[in-house]
Amino acid sequence: MASKKIVVDKITFLADALNVPRRSISMTAAAWARLFADVPDEIFEQAADVVAKTWQRNTLPPPGVIRDAIADIAIEKMGLPTALEAWHAVITAIKDGRASRIYKMPHPVPAIAECLGIEDLRWGDNMSALRAHFIDAYREEVRRMRRRINLNGGRAEDDSAKGSQDA
């Protein structure tokens, strides 16, 4: 988990990269060490590096910006397709007459397709509206996944929930 040493190193790095005065780094590091104690070191370091490259202000970013970067890294590691890639895969499976392939796609694609009744799709249906609904639902589910990841310290699944199910 994100050790205080790693947090101090990354805050110092961010402060230097963003030309932030170092006078408040020790207090910030102590607070961030507590806030990011649930995040693995390597993910915290990757997130801090991403933020250092993209942050536009000459102040340290708020912890929420780092948490967003942590969630982005976790989602990326999950290998989720973009909303348009997922839509294309669903439509291709239906065009090829292999709608059952939808259920082998990564979460949340099968659940959204099922909710929208895509398996029963006919080409006379309003494809533009269906695509818009699919993409909106997919993006919303990815947002929910990001929130869960942020609450679980950068992990896609809650390890404590797994342990309680096994018992």
C-alpha atoms as a PDB file:
ATOM      1  CA  MET A   1       0.000   0.000   0.000  1.00  0.00           C
ATOM      2  CA  ALA A   2       1.134   3.582  -0.611  1.00  0.00           C
ATOM      3  CA  SER A   3       3.823   4.061   2.021  1.00  0.00           C
ATOM      4  CA  LYS A   4       4.632   7.479   3.431  1.00  0.00           C
ATOM      5  CA  LYS A   5       8.069   7.380   1.766  1.00  0.00           C
ATOM      6  CA  ILE A   6       6.523   6.788  -1.681  1.00  0.00           C
ATOM      7  CA  VAL A   7       3.954   9.541  -1.059  1.00  0.00           C
ATOM      8  CA  VAL A   8       6.653  12.011   0.062  1.00  0.00           C
ATOM      9  CA  ASP A   9       8.787  11.139  -2.983  1.00  0.00           C
ATOM     10  CA  LYS A  10       5.885  11.660  -5.371  1.00  0.00           C
ATOM     11  CA  ILE A  11       4.688  14.876  -3.728  1.00  0.00           C
ATOM     12  CA  THR A  12       8.229  16.227  -3.927  1.00  0.00           C
ATOM     13  CA  PHE A  13       8.357  15.158  -7.576  1.00  0.00           C
ATOM     14  CA  LEU A  14       4.998  16.841  -8.277  1.00  0.00           C
ATOM     15  CA  ALA A  15       6.053  20.003  -6.426  1.00  0.00           C
ATOM     16  CA  ASP A  16       9.255  20.216  -8.449  1.00  0.00           C
ATOM     17  CA  ALA A  17       7.476  19.491 -11.740  1.00  0.00           C
ATOM     18  CA  LEU A  18       4.784  22.082 -11.041  1.00  0.00           C
ATOM     19  CA  ASN A  19       7.056  24.718  -9.417  1.00  0.00           C
ATOM     20  CA  VAL A  20       5.147  24.525  -6.136  1.00  0.00           C
ATOM     21  CA  PRO A  21       6.902  25.874  -3.030  1.00  0.00           C
ATOM     22  CA  ARG A  22       8.111  23.039  -0.808  1.00  0.00           C
ATOM     23  CA  ARG A  23       7.133  24.658   2.502  1.00  0.00           C
ATOM     24  CA  SER A  24       3.872  22.683   2.905  1.00  0.00           C
ATOM     25  CA  ILE A  25       4.999  19.336   1.511  1.00  0.00           C
ATOM     26  CA  SER A  26       5.473  17.577   4.859  1.00  0.00           C
ATOM     27  CA  MET A  27       1.916  18.321   6.044  1.00  0.00           C
ATOM     28  CA  THR A  28       0.489  17.416   2.661  1.00  0.00           C
ATOM     29  CA  ALA A  29       2.508  14.188   2.588  1.00  0.00           C
ATOM     30  CA  ALA A  30       1.197  13.124   5.992  1.00  0.00           C
ATOM     31  CA  ALA A  31      -2.410  13.726   4.898  1.00  0.00           C
ATOM     32  CA  TRP A  32      -1.920  12.027   1.522  1.00  0.00           C
ATOM     33  CA  ALA A  33      -0.223   9.040   3.155  1.00  0.00           C
ATOM     34  CA  ARG A  34      -3.417   8.471   5.146  1.00  0.00           C
ATOM     35  CA  LEU A  35      -5.693   9.139   2.154  1.00  0.00           C
ATOM     36  CA  PHE A  36      -3.830   6.749  -0.130  1.00  0.00           C
ATOM     37  CA  ALA A  37      -2.929   4.064   2.406  1.00  0.00           C
ATOM     38  CA  ASP A  38      -5.290   1.652   0.633  1.00  0.00           C
ATOM     39  CA  VAL A  39      -3.627   2.056  -2.788  1.00  0.00           C
ATOM     40  CA  PRO A  40      -0.764  -0.199  -3.905  1.00  0.00           C
ATOM     41  CA  ASP A  41       2.569   1.646  -4.279  1.00  0.00           C
ATOM     42  CA  GLU A  42       3.005   0.992  -7.997  1.00  0.00           C
ATOM     43  CA  ILE A  43      -0.503   2.229  -8.861  1.00  0.00           C
ATOM     44  CA  PHE A  44      -0.049   5.362  -6.740  1.00  0.00           C
ATOM     45  CA  GLU A  45       3.270   6.066  -8.464  1.00  0.00           C
ATOM     46  CA  GLN A  46       1.742   5.579 -11.933  1.00  0.00           C
ATOM     47  CA  ALA A  47      -1.177   7.853 -11.059  1.00  0.00           C
ATOM     48  CA  ALA A  48       1.121  10.581  -9.719  1.00  0.00           C
ATOM     49  CA  ASP A  49       3.206  10.373 -12.910  1.00  0.00           C
ATOM     50  CA  VAL A  50       0.089  10.712 -15.088  1.00  0.00           C
ATOM     51  CA  VAL A  51      -1.104  13.707 -13.089  1.00  0.00           C
ATOM     52  CA  ALA A  52       2.333  15.335 -13.266  1.00  0.00           C
ATOM     53  CA  LYS A  53       2.130  15.177 -17.064  1.00  0.00           C
ATOM     54  CA  THR A  54      -1.421  16.498 -17.349  1.00  0.00           C
ATOM     55  CA  TRP A  55      -1.980  18.877 -14.417  1.00  0.00           C
ATOM     56  CA  GLN A  56      -2.079  22.450 -15.728  1.00  0.00           C
ATOM     57  CA  ARG A  57      -1.899  24.499 -12.523  1.00  0.00           C
ATOM     58  CA  ASN A  58       1.079  25.478 -10.402  1.00  0.00           C
ATOM     59  CA  THR A  59      -0.445  24.010  -7.248  1.00  0.00           C
ATOM     60  CA  LEU A  60      -0.482  20.438  -6.025  1.00  0.00           C
ATOM     61  CA  PRO A  61      -3.513  18.626  -7.404  1.00  0.00           C
ATOM     62  CA  PRO A  62      -6.284  17.719  -4.982  1.00  0.00           C
ATOM     63  CA  PRO A  63      -6.376  14.063  -3.893  1.00  0.00           C
ATOM     64  CA  GLY A  64      -9.506  13.495  -6.011  1.00  0.00           C
ATOM     65  CA  VAL A  65      -7.478  14.108  -9.172  1.00  0.00           C
ATOM     66  CA  ILE A  66      -5.003  11.419  -8.089  1.00  0.00           C
ATOM     67  CA  ARG A  67      -7.925   9.083  -7.258  1.00  0.00           C
ATOM     68  CA  ASP A  68      -9.349   9.662 -10.748  1.00  0.00           C
ATOM     69  CA  ALA A  69      -5.985   8.743 -12.267  1.00  0.00           C
ATOM     70  CA  ILE A  70      -5.899   5.610 -10.073  1.00  0.00           C
ATOM     71  CA  ALA A  71      -9.349   4.602 -11.357  1.00  0.00           C
ATOM     72  CA  ASP A  72      -8.278   5.266 -14.962  1.00  0.00           C
ATOM     73  CA  ILE A  73      -5.262   2.990 -14.504  1.00  0.00           C
ATOM     74  CA  ALA A  74      -7.405   0.226 -12.984  1.00  0.00           C
ATOM     75  CA  ILE A  75      -9.992   0.470 -15.785  1.00  0.00           C
ATOM     76  CA  GLU A  76      -7.202   0.380 -18.367  1.00  0.00           C
ATOM     77  CA  LYS A  77      -5.710  -2.730 -16.741  1.00  0.00           C
ATOM     78  CA  MET A  78      -9.132  -4.396 -16.951  1.00  0.00           C
ATOM     79  CA  GLY A  79      -8.941  -4.070 -20.736  1.00  0.00           C
ATOM     80  CA  LEU A  80     -12.429  -2.642 -21.173  1.00  0.00           C
ATOM     81  CA  PRO A  81     -13.286  -1.512 -24.683  1.00  0.00           C
ATOM     82  CA  THR A  82     -14.468   2.030 -25.282  1.00  0.00           C
ATOM     83  CA  ALA A  83     -18.209   2.543 -25.619  1.00  0.00           C
ATOM     84  CA  LEU A  84     -17.965   2.665 -29.424  1.00  0.00           C
ATOM     85  CA  GLU A  85     -15.750  -0.441 -29.560  1.00  0.00           C
ATOM     86  CA  ALA A  86     -18.263  -2.304 -27.389  1.00  0.00           C
ATOM     87  CA  TRP A  87     -21.157  -1.184 -29.596  1.00  0.00           C
ATOM     88  CA  HIS A  88     -19.287  -2.273 -32.722  1.00  0.00           C
ATOM     89  CA  ALA A  89     -18.562  -5.700 -31.219  1.00  0.00           C
ATOM     90  CA  VAL A  90     -22.234  -6.176 -30.282  1.00  0.00           C
ATOM     91  CA  ILE A  91     -23.516  -5.141 -33.711  1.00  0.00           C
ATOM     92  CA  THR A  92     -20.923  -7.305 -35.468  1.00  0.00           C
ATOM     93  CA  ALA A  93     -21.955 -10.325 -33.389  1.00  0.00           C
ATOM     94  CA  ILE A  94     -25.611  -9.750 -34.288  1.00  0.00           C
ATOM     95  CA  LYS A  95     -24.885  -9.169 -37.996  1.00  0.00           C
ATOM     96  CA  ASP A  96     -22.898 -12.409 -38.089  1.00  0.00           C
ATOM     97  CA  GLY A  97     -25.803 -14.274 -36.517  1.00  0.00           C
ATOM     98  CA  ARG A  98     -23.779 -14.993 -33.379  1.00  0.00           C
ATOM     99  CA  ALA A  99     -25.575 -13.003 -30.709  1.00  0.00           C
ATOM    100  CA  SER A 100     -24.411 -15.550 -28.120  1.00  0.00           C
ATOM    101  CA  ARG A 101     -20.897 -14.042 -28.446  1.00  0.00           C
ATOM    102  CA  ILE A 102     -22.222 -10.978 -26.611  1.00  0.00           C
ATOM    103  CA  TYR A 103     -22.217 -12.975 -23.374  1.00  0.00           C
ATOM    104  CA  LYS A 104     -18.494 -13.708 -23.733  1.00  0.00           C
ATOM    105  CA  MET A 105     -17.657  -9.988 -23.893  1.00  0.00           C
ATOM    106  CA  PRO A 106     -16.297  -8.201 -20.809  1.00  0.00           C
ATOM    107  CA  HIS A 107     -18.593  -6.701 -18.219  1.00  0.00           C
ATOM    108  CA  PRO A 108     -20.645  -4.471 -18.617  1.00  0.00           C
ATOM    109  CA  VAL A 109     -21.347  -5.269 -22.289  1.00  0.00           C
ATOM    110  CA  PRO A 110     -23.608  -8.351 -21.814  1.00  0.00           C
ATOM    111  CA  ALA A 111     -25.708  -6.753 -19.075  1.00  0.00           C
ATOM    112  CA  ILE A 112     -26.327  -3.591 -21.073  1.00  0.00           C
ATOM    113  CA  ALA A 113     -27.101  -5.518 -24.260  1.00  0.00           C
ATOM    114  CA  GLU A 114     -29.581  -7.674 -22.370  1.00  0.00           C
ATOM    115  CA  CYS A 115     -31.275  -4.679 -20.719  1.00  0.00           C
ATOM    116  CA  LEU A 116     -31.726  -3.013 -24.093  1.00  0.00           C
ATOM    117  CA  GLY A 117     -33.019  -6.202 -25.728  1.00  0.00           C
ATOM    118  CA  ILE A 118     -30.305  -6.134 -28.350  1.00  0.00           C
ATOM    119  CA  GLU A 119     -30.481  -9.884 -28.989  1.00  0.00           C
ATOM    120  CA  ASP A 120     -33.974  -9.389 -30.445  1.00  0.00           C
ATOM    121  CA  LEU A 121     -32.763  -6.543 -32.646  1.00  0.00           C
ATOM    122  CA  ARG A 122     -34.121  -6.287 -36.165  1.00  0.00           C
ATOM    123  CA  TRP A 123     -32.409  -4.123 -38.748  1.00  0.00           C
ATOM    124  CA  GLY A 124     -35.594  -2.121 -39.242  1.00  0.00           C
ATOM    125  CA  ASP A 125     -35.327  -0.854 -35.650  1.00  0.00           C
ATOM    126  CA  ASN A 126     -34.078   2.641 -34.941  1.00  0.00           C
ATOM    127  CA  MET A 127     -30.360   1.863 -34.780  1.00  0.00           C
ATOM    128  CA  SER A 128     -29.294   5.439 -34.009  1.00  0.00           C
ATOM    129  CA  ALA A 129     -31.482   5.590 -30.923  1.00  0.00           C
ATOM    130  CA  LEU A 130     -30.426   2.120 -29.800  1.00  0.00           C
ATOM    131  CA  ARG A 131     -26.748   3.006 -30.256  1.00  0.00           C
ATOM    132  CA  ALA A 132     -27.201   6.216 -28.247  1.00  0.00           C
ATOM    133  CA  HIS A 133     -28.924   4.305 -25.416  1.00  0.00           C
ATOM    134  CA  PHE A 134     -26.227   1.619 -25.427  1.00  0.00           C
ATOM    135  CA  ILE A 135     -23.378   4.145 -25.341  1.00  0.00           C
ATOM    136  CA  ASP A 136     -25.022   6.201 -22.570  1.00  0.00           C
ATOM    137  CA  ALA A 137     -25.659   3.086 -20.474  1.00  0.00           C
ATOM    138  CA  TYR A 138     -22.124   1.781 -21.070  1.00  0.00           C
ATOM    139  CA  ARG A 139     -20.501   5.068 -20.078  1.00  0.00           C
ATOM    140  CA  GLU A 140     -22.652   5.289 -16.956  1.00  0.00           C
ATOM    141  CA  GLU A 141     -21.680   1.756 -15.915  1.00  0.00           C
ATOM    142  CA  VAL A 142     -17.997   2.569 -16.441  1.00  0.00           C
ATOM    143  CA  ARG A 143     -18.496   5.651 -14.219  1.00  0.00           C
ATOM    144  CA  ARG A 144     -19.995   3.375 -11.538  1.00  0.00           C
ATOM    145  CA  MET A 145     -17.046   1.017 -11.884  1.00  0.00           C
ATOM    146  CA  ARG A 146     -14.650   3.957 -11.460  1.00  0.00           C
ATOM    147  CA  ARG A 147     -16.421   4.981  -8.232  1.00  0.00           C
ATOM    148  CA  ARG A 148     -16.179   1.418  -6.878  1.00  0.00           C
ATOM    149  CA  ILE A 149     -12.489   1.302  -7.815  1.00  0.00           C
ATOM    150  CA  ASN A 150     -11.876   4.594  -5.995  1.00  0.00           C
ATOM    151  CA  LEU A 151     -13.606   3.233  -2.904  1.00  0.00           C
ATOM    152  CA  ASN A 152     -11.536   0.031  -3.095  1.00  0.00           C
ATOM    153  CA  GLY A 153      -8.134   1.697  -3.258  1.00  0.00           C
ATOM    154  CA  GLY A 154      -7.497   1.158  -6.945  1.00  0.00           C
ATOM    155  CA  ARG A 155      -8.685  -2.455  -7.024  1.00  0.00           C
ATOM    156  CA  ALA A 156     -11.397  -3.501  -9.461  1.00  0.00           C
ATOM    157  CA  GLU A 157     -13.051  -5.762  -6.883  1.00  0.00           C
ATOM    158  CA  ASP A 158     -13.534  -5.460  -3.159  1.00  0.00           C
ATOM    159  CA  ASP A 159     -11.250  -8.070  -1.591  1.00  0.00           C
ATOM    160  CA  SER A 160     -13.164  -7.955   1.689  1.00  0.00           C
ATOM    161  CA  ALA A 161     -16.391  -8.942  -0.084  1.00  0.00           C
ATOM    162  CA  LYS A 162     -14.656 -11.983  -1.574  1.00  0.00           C
ATOM    163  CA  GLY A 163     -13.478 -13.091   1.843  1.00  0.00           C
ATOM    164  CA  SER A 164     -16.950 -12.798   3.366  1.00  0.00           C
ATOM    165  CA  GLN A 165     -18.447 -14.863   0.529  1.00  0.00           C
ATOM    166  CA  ASP A 166     -15.939 -17.663   1.068  1.00  0.00           C
ATOM    167  CA  ALA A 167     -16.750 -17.930   4.758  1.00  0.00           C
END
